[in-house]
Amino acid sequence: MENELDEFLNTINCSDCVTILSKFPSSCIDLTLTSPPYDTLRDYKEFSFDFKKIASQLYRVTKKGGVVVWVIGDSTENGSETGSSFRQALYFKEIGFNLHDTMIYQKSGFAFPSKNRYHQIFEYMFIFSKGRPKTFNPIKDKPNKTQYTFSKKRRNKDGSMSHTNDTSRIKVSEFGMRTNIWKYTTGRGNSTKDSIAFKHPAIYPEKLCKDHIETWTNPEDVVLDPMMGSGTTLKVAKHLRRKYIGIDISEEYCQIARERLKLV
């Protein structure tokens, strides 16, 4: 199986992603981390987006216990949000994925002020798994409000003490596991230092990629981005010693990604 995938490992493929994915063997990808087009919110060179075919191929190529991180938001049309993100999430469930978690990617600011709704500063990060995730390396960087130790001894109903001879104590660590709302400082110079990346209309932070890749994979695992845009997922995967596969239909974006990979 791995031999069948070898020709695609650590490559950028400029083509329609369904065409490339159809050439992969089944059950070969550990993590897909991608952000698809958000309705008509951005100009993607007028390329089409066949969501259902992409989703079906992702299910086929994902390993048992593998994960798909789907970073998505909705546009507002005629004064109402489209709800495309929810429809896509439900379709992933229909074809066999588990909705393992619904996470929030919170940005440091908003693109433009809203007049009749609260300012929009987040996107969804749907975590789909093929069965139970085989890898989970939780990030523990949430400061605990209090650090203290406490004894294992407990008083029983009759007044005696359990663990009478036990003098050990349990210490609460300085940091605990973070929540499923991840906050990032975004914008030029923050999402990435690579100025060339901003030739793409919608990039997500390198730190977001790092956090997901370290959470759901281990070194030498295969990370896929089938709509890679400026190549952020690939750059971070390479830096973290994961094997990567990138696909994008735009030659312009593929060239941006190639230039960024040279920086690793």
C-alpha atoms as a PDB file:
ATOM      1  CA  MET A   1       0.000   0.000   0.000  1.00  0.00           C
ATOM      2  CA  GLU A   2       2.752   2.447   0.962  1.00  0.00           C
ATOM      3  CA  ASN A   3       4.593   1.653  -2.266  1.00  0.00           C
ATOM      4  CA  GLU A   4       1.496   2.692  -4.202  1.00  0.00           C
ATOM      5  CA  LEU A   5       1.526   6.019  -2.388  1.00  0.00           C
ATOM      6  CA  ASP A   6       5.288   6.602  -2.630  1.00  0.00           C
ATOM      7  CA  GLU A   7       5.128   8.634  -5.834  1.00  0.00           C
ATOM      8  CA  PHE A   8       2.887  11.184  -4.116  1.00  0.00           C
ATOM      9  CA  LEU A   9       4.767  11.535  -0.824  1.00  0.00           C
ATOM     10  CA  ASN A  10       6.378  14.935  -0.238  1.00  0.00           C
ATOM     11  CA  THR A  11       5.004  16.313  -3.499  1.00  0.00           C
ATOM     12  CA  ILE A  12       2.807  19.131  -4.743  1.00  0.00           C
ATOM     13  CA  ASN A  13       0.262  18.084  -7.350  1.00  0.00           C
ATOM     14  CA  CYS A  14      -1.292  20.742  -9.561  1.00  0.00           C
ATOM     15  CA  SER A  15      -4.589  19.176 -10.546  1.00  0.00           C
ATOM     16  CA  ASP A  16      -8.187  18.653  -9.521  1.00  0.00           C
ATOM     17  CA  CYS A  17      -8.021  16.989  -6.114  1.00  0.00           C
ATOM     18  CA  VAL A  18     -10.658  14.335  -6.870  1.00  0.00           C
ATOM     19  CA  THR A  19      -8.566  13.152  -9.820  1.00  0.00           C
ATOM     20  CA  ILE A  20      -5.409  12.880  -7.705  1.00  0.00           C
ATOM     21  CA  LEU A  21      -7.147  11.327  -4.691  1.00  0.00           C
ATOM     22  CA  SER A  22      -8.684   8.641  -6.909  1.00  0.00           C
ATOM     23  CA  LYS A  23      -5.134   7.414  -7.628  1.00  0.00           C
ATOM     24  CA  PHE A  24      -4.352   6.860  -3.932  1.00  0.00           C
ATOM     25  CA  PRO A  25      -4.718   3.421  -2.363  1.00  0.00           C
ATOM     26  CA  SER A  26      -7.442   3.094   0.247  1.00  0.00           C
ATOM     27  CA  SER A  27      -6.641   3.743   3.915  1.00  0.00           C
ATOM     28  CA  CYS A  28      -3.309   5.519   3.423  1.00  0.00           C
ATOM     29  CA  ILE A  29      -3.657   8.984   5.017  1.00  0.00           C
ATOM     30  CA  ASP A  30      -3.182   9.691   8.728  1.00  0.00           C
ATOM     31  CA  LEU A  31      -4.386  13.303   8.751  1.00  0.00           C
ATOM     32  CA  THR A  32      -6.089  15.618   6.303  1.00  0.00           C
ATOM     33  CA  LEU A  33      -5.856  19.259   7.321  1.00  0.00           C
ATOM     34  CA  THR A  34      -7.498  21.634   4.894  1.00  0.00           C
ATOM     35  CA  SER A  35      -9.741  24.635   4.430  1.00  0.00           C
ATOM     36  CA  PRO A  36     -12.176  24.440   1.490  1.00  0.00           C
ATOM     37  CA  PRO A  37     -13.727  27.402  -0.327  1.00  0.00           C
ATOM     38  CA  TYR A  38     -16.266  29.266   1.830  1.00  0.00           C
ATOM     39  CA  ASP A  39     -19.233  29.625  -0.518  1.00  0.00           C
ATOM     40  CA  THR A  40     -18.525  32.779  -2.563  1.00  0.00           C
ATOM     41  CA  LEU A  41     -16.665  34.542   0.244  1.00  0.00           C
ATOM     42  CA  ARG A  42     -13.344  34.466  -1.621  1.00  0.00           C
ATOM     43  CA  ASP A  43     -12.288  34.482  -5.264  1.00  0.00           C
ATOM     44  CA  TYR A  44     -10.629  31.130  -6.037  1.00  0.00           C
ATOM     45  CA  LYS A  45      -9.927  31.818  -9.703  1.00  0.00           C
ATOM     46  CA  GLU A  46     -13.423  30.550 -10.569  1.00  0.00           C
ATOM     47  CA  PHE A  47     -12.439  26.916 -10.021  1.00  0.00           C
ATOM     48  CA  SER A  48     -15.290  24.546  -9.172  1.00  0.00           C
ATOM     49  CA  PHE A  49     -15.626  22.733  -5.857  1.00  0.00           C
ATOM     50  CA  ASP A  50     -17.322  19.308  -5.897  1.00  0.00           C
ATOM     51  CA  PHE A  51     -17.722  18.836  -2.162  1.00  0.00           C
ATOM     52  CA  LYS A  52     -19.440  15.435  -2.117  1.00  0.00           C
ATOM     53  CA  LYS A  53     -16.896  13.775  -4.380  1.00  0.00           C
ATOM     54  CA  ILE A  54     -14.043  15.216  -2.321  1.00  0.00           C
ATOM     55  CA  ALA A  55     -15.606  14.064   0.957  1.00  0.00           C
ATOM     56  CA  SER A  56     -16.164  10.549  -0.386  1.00  0.00           C
ATOM     57  CA  GLN A  57     -12.566  10.270  -1.556  1.00  0.00           C
ATOM     58  CA  LEU A  58     -11.319  11.538   1.803  1.00  0.00           C
ATOM     59  CA  TYR A  59     -13.261   8.808   3.573  1.00  0.00           C
ATOM     60  CA  ARG A  60     -11.789   6.167   1.279  1.00  0.00           C
ATOM     61  CA  VAL A  61      -8.150   7.270   1.671  1.00  0.00           C
ATOM     62  CA  THR A  62      -8.249   7.970   5.425  1.00  0.00           C
ATOM     63  CA  LYS A  63      -6.757   5.230   7.592  1.00  0.00           C
ATOM     64  CA  LYS A  64      -8.808   3.588  10.303  1.00  0.00           C
ATOM     65  CA  GLY A  65      -8.329   5.931  13.232  1.00  0.00           C
ATOM     66  CA  GLY A  66      -7.263   8.735  10.900  1.00  0.00           C
ATOM     67  CA  VAL A  67      -8.578  12.272  11.184  1.00  0.00           C
ATOM     68  CA  VAL A  68      -9.831  15.011   8.869  1.00  0.00           C
ATOM     69  CA  VAL A  69      -9.624  18.591  10.165  1.00  0.00           C
ATOM     70  CA  TRP A  70     -12.056  20.686   8.106  1.00  0.00           C
ATOM     71  CA  VAL A  71     -11.610  24.434   8.695  1.00  0.00           C
ATOM     72  CA  ILE A  72     -14.721  26.149   7.395  1.00  0.00           C
ATOM     73  CA  GLY A  73     -16.894  29.238   7.692  1.00  0.00           C
ATOM     74  CA  ASP A  74     -20.086  30.542   6.114  1.00  0.00           C
ATOM     75  CA  SER A  75     -20.668  33.534   3.930  1.00  0.00           C
ATOM     76  CA  THR A  76     -23.654  35.831   4.414  1.00  0.00           C
ATOM     77  CA  GLU A  77     -26.066  36.046   1.500  1.00  0.00           C
ATOM     78  CA  ASN A  78     -29.191  38.211   1.476  1.00  0.00           C
ATOM     79  CA  GLY A  79     -28.675  39.005   5.135  1.00  0.00           C
ATOM     80  CA  SER A  80     -28.477  35.375   6.262  1.00  0.00           C
ATOM     81  CA  GLU A  81     -25.610  32.948   6.836  1.00  0.00           C
ATOM     82  CA  THR A  82     -25.603  30.091   4.330  1.00  0.00           C
ATOM     83  CA  GLY A  83     -25.131  27.229   6.815  1.00  0.00           C
ATOM     84  CA  SER A  84     -22.920  25.379   4.315  1.00  0.00           C
ATOM     85  CA  SER A  85     -20.534  24.416   7.105  1.00  0.00           C
ATOM     86  CA  PHE A  86     -23.257  22.478   8.936  1.00  0.00           C
ATOM     87  CA  ARG A  87     -24.502  20.766   5.790  1.00  0.00           C
ATOM     88  CA  GLN A  88     -20.960  19.638   5.020  1.00  0.00           C
ATOM     89  CA  ALA A  89     -20.453  18.349   8.569  1.00  0.00           C
ATOM     90  CA  LEU A  90     -23.653  16.324   8.409  1.00  0.00           C
ATOM     91  CA  TYR A  91     -22.647  14.858   5.038  1.00  0.00           C
ATOM     92  CA  PHE A  92     -19.310  13.701   6.473  1.00  0.00           C
ATOM     93  CA  LYS A  93     -21.325  11.855   9.131  1.00  0.00           C
ATOM     94  CA  GLU A  94     -23.657  10.358   6.503  1.00  0.00           C
ATOM     95  CA  ILE A  95     -20.761   8.743   4.639  1.00  0.00           C
ATOM     96  CA  GLY A  96     -19.250   7.148   7.733  1.00  0.00           C
ATOM     97  CA  PHE A  97     -17.063   9.658   9.557  1.00  0.00           C
ATOM     98  CA  ASN A  98     -17.533  10.354  13.249  1.00  0.00           C
ATOM     99  CA  LEU A  99     -17.871  13.992  14.230  1.00  0.00           C
ATOM    100  CA  HIS A 100     -15.213  13.663  16.901  1.00  0.00           C
ATOM    101  CA  ASP A 101     -15.190  17.332  17.931  1.00  0.00           C
ATOM    102  CA  THR A 102     -16.523  20.710  16.865  1.00  0.00           C
ATOM    103  CA  MET A 103     -13.732  23.171  17.530  1.00  0.00           C
ATOM    104  CA  ILE A 104     -13.503  26.922  17.145  1.00  0.00           C
ATOM    105  CA  TYR A 105     -10.690  28.858  15.485  1.00  0.00           C
ATOM    106  CA  GLN A 106     -10.908  32.332  17.020  1.00  0.00           C
ATOM    107  CA  LYS A 107      -9.109  35.155  15.241  1.00  0.00           C
ATOM    108  CA  SER A 108      -7.623  38.227  16.859  1.00  0.00           C
ATOM    109  CA  GLY A 109      -9.824  40.592  14.863  1.00  0.00           C
ATOM    110  CA  PHE A 110     -12.604  40.830  12.308  1.00  0.00           C
ATOM    111  CA  ALA A 111     -12.457  41.784   8.647  1.00  0.00           C
ATOM    112  CA  PHE A 112     -15.251  44.364   8.745  1.00  0.00           C
ATOM    113  CA  PRO A 113     -17.760  45.551  11.375  1.00  0.00           C
ATOM    114  CA  SER A 114     -21.292  44.177  11.357  1.00  0.00           C
ATOM    115  CA  LYS A 115     -24.268  46.485  11.694  1.00  0.00           C
ATOM    116  CA  ASN A 116     -27.028  44.096  12.751  1.00  0.00           C
ATOM    117  CA  ARG A 117     -25.149  41.123  14.260  1.00  0.00           C
ATOM    118  CA  TYR A 118     -22.148  40.628  16.538  1.00  0.00           C
ATOM    119  CA  HIS A 119     -18.745  40.936  14.873  1.00  0.00           C
ATOM    120  CA  GLN A 120     -17.604  37.670  13.307  1.00  0.00           C
ATOM    121  CA  ILE A 121     -14.225  36.506  14.624  1.00  0.00           C
ATOM    122  CA  PHE A 122     -14.305  32.711  14.376  1.00  0.00           C
ATOM    123  CA  GLU A 123     -14.441  29.754  12.022  1.00  0.00           C
ATOM    124  CA  TYR A 124     -15.314  26.121  12.681  1.00  0.00           C
ATOM    125  CA  MET A 125     -12.728  23.377  12.834  1.00  0.00           C
ATOM    126  CA  PHE A 126     -14.695  20.146  12.454  1.00  0.00           C
ATOM    127  CA  ILE A 127     -12.714  17.105  13.556  1.00  0.00           C
ATOM    128  CA  PHE A 128     -13.867  14.007  11.675  1.00  0.00           C
ATOM    129  CA  SER A 129     -12.450  10.598  12.529  1.00  0.00           C
ATOM    130  CA  LYS A 130     -12.678   7.223  10.842  1.00  0.00           C
ATOM    131  CA  GLY A 131     -13.524   5.306  13.978  1.00  0.00           C
ATOM    132  CA  ARG A 132     -11.783   6.237  17.196  1.00  0.00           C
ATOM    133  CA  PRO A 133      -8.730   8.487  16.596  1.00  0.00           C
ATOM    134  CA  LYS A 134      -5.583   6.371  16.798  1.00  0.00           C
ATOM    135  CA  THR A 135      -3.449   9.339  17.891  1.00  0.00           C
ATOM    136  CA  PHE A 136      -4.177  12.076  20.381  1.00  0.00           C
ATOM    137  CA  ASN A 137      -1.303  14.108  21.763  1.00  0.00           C
ATOM    138  CA  PRO A 138      -3.120  16.773  23.791  1.00  0.00           C
ATOM    139  CA  ILE A 139      -1.578  20.221  24.030  1.00  0.00           C
ATOM    140  CA  LYS A 140      -1.202  21.226  27.669  1.00  0.00           C
ATOM    141  CA  ASP A 141      -0.617  24.958  27.727  1.00  0.00           C
ATOM    142  CA  LYS A 142      -3.670  26.241  29.621  1.00  0.00           C
ATOM    143  CA  PRO A 143      -2.446  27.763  32.910  1.00  0.00           C
ATOM    144  CA  ASN A 144      -4.135  26.265  35.946  1.00  0.00           C
ATOM    145  CA  LYS A 145      -5.387  29.021  38.230  1.00  0.00           C
ATOM    146  CA  THR A 146      -3.969  27.360  41.314  1.00  0.00           C
ATOM    147  CA  GLN A 147      -1.038  25.008  41.734  1.00  0.00           C
ATOM    148  CA  TYR A 148      -1.232  22.946  44.894  1.00  0.00           C
ATOM    149  CA  THR A 149      -0.691  19.475  46.322  1.00  0.00           C
ATOM    150  CA  PHE A 150      -3.128  17.348  48.282  1.00  0.00           C
ATOM    151  CA  SER A 151      -2.843  14.154  50.268  1.00  0.00           C
ATOM    152  CA  LYS A 152      -4.174  10.808  49.084  1.00  0.00           C
ATOM    153  CA  LYS A 153      -5.435  10.106  52.604  1.00  0.00           C
ATOM    154  CA  ARG A 154      -9.196  10.018  53.104  1.00  0.00           C
ATOM    155  CA  ARG A 155     -11.253   9.645  56.300  1.00  0.00           C
ATOM    156  CA  ASN A 156     -13.630   6.700  56.289  1.00  0.00           C
ATOM    157  CA  LYS A 157     -17.158   6.731  57.757  1.00  0.00           C
ATOM    158  CA  ASP A 158     -15.948   5.066  60.965  1.00  0.00           C
ATOM    159  CA  GLY A 159     -13.383   7.806  61.482  1.00  0.00           C
ATOM    160  CA  SER A 160     -10.361   5.775  60.429  1.00  0.00           C
ATOM    161  CA  MET A 161      -8.028   6.995  57.696  1.00  0.00           C
ATOM    162  CA  SER A 162      -7.529   5.284  54.375  1.00  0.00           C
ATOM    163  CA  HIS A 163      -3.963   5.097  53.093  1.00  0.00           C
ATOM    164  CA  THR A 164      -2.882   5.459  56.728  1.00  0.00           C
ATOM    165  CA  ASN A 165       0.776   4.866  56.000  1.00  0.00           C
ATOM    166  CA  ASP A 166       0.815   6.735  52.699  1.00  0.00           C
ATOM    167  CA  THR A 167       2.643  10.045  52.985  1.00  0.00           C
ATOM    168  CA  SER A 168       2.709  10.811  49.243  1.00  0.00           C
ATOM    169  CA  ARG A 169       0.853  13.780  47.819  1.00  0.00           C
ATOM    170  CA  ILE A 170      -0.649  14.570  44.414  1.00  0.00           C
ATOM    171  CA  LYS A 171       0.504  17.798  42.764  1.00  0.00           C
ATOM    172  CA  VAL A 172      -1.647  19.757  40.329  1.00  0.00           C
ATOM    173  CA  SER A 173       0.532  20.756  37.387  1.00  0.00           C
ATOM    174  CA  GLU A 174       1.119  24.338  36.327  1.00  0.00           C
ATOM    175  CA  PHE A 175      -0.544  23.782  32.954  1.00  0.00           C
ATOM    176  CA  GLY A 176      -3.543  21.698  31.901  1.00  0.00           C
ATOM    177  CA  MET A 177      -5.052  20.562  28.607  1.00  0.00           C
ATOM    178  CA  ARG A 178      -6.467  23.439  26.559  1.00  0.00           C
ATOM    179  CA  THR A 179     -10.115  23.766  25.571  1.00  0.00           C
ATOM    180  CA  ASN A 180     -11.490  23.243  22.066  1.00  0.00           C
ATOM    181  CA  ILE A 181     -11.519  26.993  21.357  1.00  0.00           C
ATOM    182  CA  TRP A 182      -8.120  27.905  19.885  1.00  0.00           C
ATOM    183  CA  LYS A 183      -7.193  31.576  19.639  1.00  0.00           C
ATOM    184  CA  TYR A 184      -4.597  32.937  17.219  1.00  0.00           C
ATOM    185  CA  THR A 185      -3.220  36.331  16.345  1.00  0.00           C
ATOM    186  CA  THR A 186      -3.826  36.675  12.620  1.00  0.00           C
ATOM    187  CA  GLY A 187      -2.847  38.982   9.802  1.00  0.00           C
ATOM    188  CA  ARG A 188       0.349  39.914   8.013  1.00  0.00           C
ATOM    189  CA  GLY A 189       3.396  39.029  10.053  1.00  0.00           C
ATOM    190  CA  ASN A 190       1.348  36.925  12.462  1.00  0.00           C
ATOM    191  CA  SER A 191      -0.257  34.091  10.498  1.00  0.00           C
ATOM    192  CA  THR A 192       3.120  33.609   8.816  1.00  0.00           C
ATOM    193  CA  LYS A 193       6.313  35.557   8.197  1.00  0.00           C
ATOM    194  CA  ASP A 194       6.235  34.500   4.520  1.00  0.00           C
ATOM    195  CA  SER A 195       5.094  37.565   2.593  1.00  0.00           C
ATOM    196  CA  ILE A 196       4.536  35.489  -0.547  1.00  0.00           C
ATOM    197  CA  ALA A 197       1.774  33.561   1.241  1.00  0.00           C
ATOM    198  CA  PHE A 198      -0.452  36.633   1.238  1.00  0.00           C
ATOM    199  CA  LYS A 199      -0.797  36.374  -2.533  1.00  0.00           C
ATOM    200  CA  HIS A 200      -3.450  33.807  -1.604  1.00  0.00           C
ATOM    201  CA  PRO A 201      -6.770  35.390  -0.518  1.00  0.00           C
ATOM    202  CA  ALA A 202      -7.354  33.217   2.554  1.00  0.00           C
ATOM    203  CA  ILE A 203      -4.570  31.712   4.659  1.00  0.00           C
ATOM    204  CA  TYR A 204      -4.720  30.242   8.128  1.00  0.00           C
ATOM    205  CA  PRO A 205      -1.974  30.545  10.760  1.00  0.00           C
ATOM    206  CA  GLU A 206       1.056  28.270  10.749  1.00  0.00           C
ATOM    207  CA  LYS A 207       0.532  27.850  14.497  1.00  0.00           C
ATOM    208  CA  LEU A 208      -2.946  26.406  13.877  1.00  0.00           C
ATOM    209  CA  CYS A 209      -1.416  23.803  11.558  1.00  0.00           C
ATOM    210  CA  LYS A 210       1.333  23.009  14.036  1.00  0.00           C
ATOM    211  CA  ASP A 211      -1.161  22.451  16.844  1.00  0.00           C
ATOM    212  CA  HIS A 212      -3.356  20.092  14.795  1.00  0.00           C
ATOM    213  CA  ILE A 213      -0.496  18.143  13.252  1.00  0.00           C
ATOM    214  CA  GLU A 214       1.146  17.582  16.620  1.00  0.00           C
ATOM    215  CA  THR A 215      -2.199  16.616  18.179  1.00  0.00           C
ATOM    216  CA  TRP A 216      -3.390  14.049  15.618  1.00  0.00           C
ATOM    217  CA  THR A 217      -0.149  12.619  14.184  1.00  0.00           C
ATOM    218  CA  ASN A 218       3.338  11.422  15.033  1.00  0.00           C
ATOM    219  CA  PRO A 219       6.592  11.900  13.078  1.00  0.00           C
ATOM    220  CA  GLU A 220       6.627  10.071   9.707  1.00  0.00           C
ATOM    221  CA  ASP A 221       2.814  10.006   9.505  1.00  0.00           C
ATOM    222  CA  VAL A 222       1.236  11.193   6.241  1.00  0.00           C
ATOM    223  CA  VAL A 223      -0.455  14.614   6.204  1.00  0.00           C
ATOM    224  CA  LEU A 224      -2.651  15.606   3.258  1.00  0.00           C
ATOM    225  CA  ASP A 225      -3.991  18.972   2.146  1.00  0.00           C
ATOM    226  CA  PRO A 226      -6.162  18.444  -0.963  1.00  0.00           C
ATOM    227  CA  MET A 227      -6.901  22.174  -1.344  1.00  0.00           C
ATOM    228  CA  MET A 228      -3.571  23.445  -0.120  1.00  0.00           C
ATOM    229  CA  GLY A 229      -3.720  27.064  -1.348  1.00  0.00           C
ATOM    230  CA  SER A 230      -0.519  28.768  -0.220  1.00  0.00           C
ATOM    231  CA  GLY A 231       0.886  25.545   1.255  1.00  0.00           C
ATOM    232  CA  THR A 232       0.763  26.316   4.982  1.00  0.00           C
ATOM    233  CA  THR A 233      -0.166  22.747   5.965  1.00  0.00           C
ATOM    234  CA  LEU A 234       2.674  21.326   3.867  1.00  0.00           C
ATOM    235  CA  LYS A 235       5.283  23.720   5.193  1.00  0.00           C
ATOM    236  CA  VAL A 236       4.449  22.939   8.801  1.00  0.00           C
ATOM    237  CA  ALA A 237       4.199  19.183   8.165  1.00  0.00           C
ATOM    238  CA  LYS A 238       7.658  19.184   6.606  1.00  0.00           C
ATOM    239  CA  HIS A 239       9.062  21.162   9.529  1.00  0.00           C
ATOM    240  CA  LEU A 240       7.544  18.639  11.977  1.00  0.00           C
ATOM    241  CA  ARG A 241       9.028  15.651  10.111  1.00  0.00           C
ATOM    242  CA  ARG A 242       5.751  14.380   8.726  1.00  0.00           C
ATOM    243  CA  LYS A 243       5.343  13.153   5.162  1.00  0.00           C
ATOM    244  CA  TYR A 244       3.127  15.502   3.202  1.00  0.00           C
ATOM    245  CA  ILE A 245       0.989  15.558   0.069  1.00  0.00           C
ATOM    246  CA  GLY A 246      -0.383  18.775  -1.379  1.00  0.00           C
ATOM    247  CA  ILE A 247      -2.967  19.244  -4.125  1.00  0.00           C
ATOM    248  CA  ASP A 248      -4.324  22.411  -5.686  1.00  0.00           C
ATOM    249  CA  ILE A 249      -5.874  23.099  -9.055  1.00  0.00           C
ATOM    250  CA  SER A 250      -4.252  26.539  -9.357  1.00  0.00           C
ATOM    251  CA  GLU A 251      -0.716  26.609 -10.746  1.00  0.00           C
ATOM    252  CA  GLU A 252      -0.281  30.058  -9.221  1.00  0.00           C
ATOM    253  CA  TYR A 253      -0.986  28.722  -5.731  1.00  0.00           C
ATOM    254  CA  CYS A 254       1.154  25.629  -6.329  1.00  0.00           C
ATOM    255  CA  GLN A 255       4.102  27.883  -7.137  1.00  0.00           C
ATOM    256  CA  ILE A 256       3.553  29.854  -3.930  1.00  0.00           C
ATOM    257  CA  ALA A 257       3.596  26.588  -1.971  1.00  0.00           C
ATOM    258  CA  ARG A 258       6.791  25.432  -3.697  1.00  0.00           C
ATOM    259  CA  GLU A 259       8.527  28.654  -2.739  1.00  0.00           C
ATOM    260  CA  ARG A 260       7.421  28.351   0.867  1.00  0.00           C
ATOM    261  CA  LEU A 261       8.644  24.756   1.155  1.00  0.00           C
ATOM    262  CA  LYS A 262      12.110  25.941   0.157  1.00  0.00           C
ATOM    263  CA  LEU A 263      12.170  27.944   3.391  1.00  0.00           C
ATOM    264  CA  VAL A 264      11.964  24.835   5.586  1.00  0.00           C
END
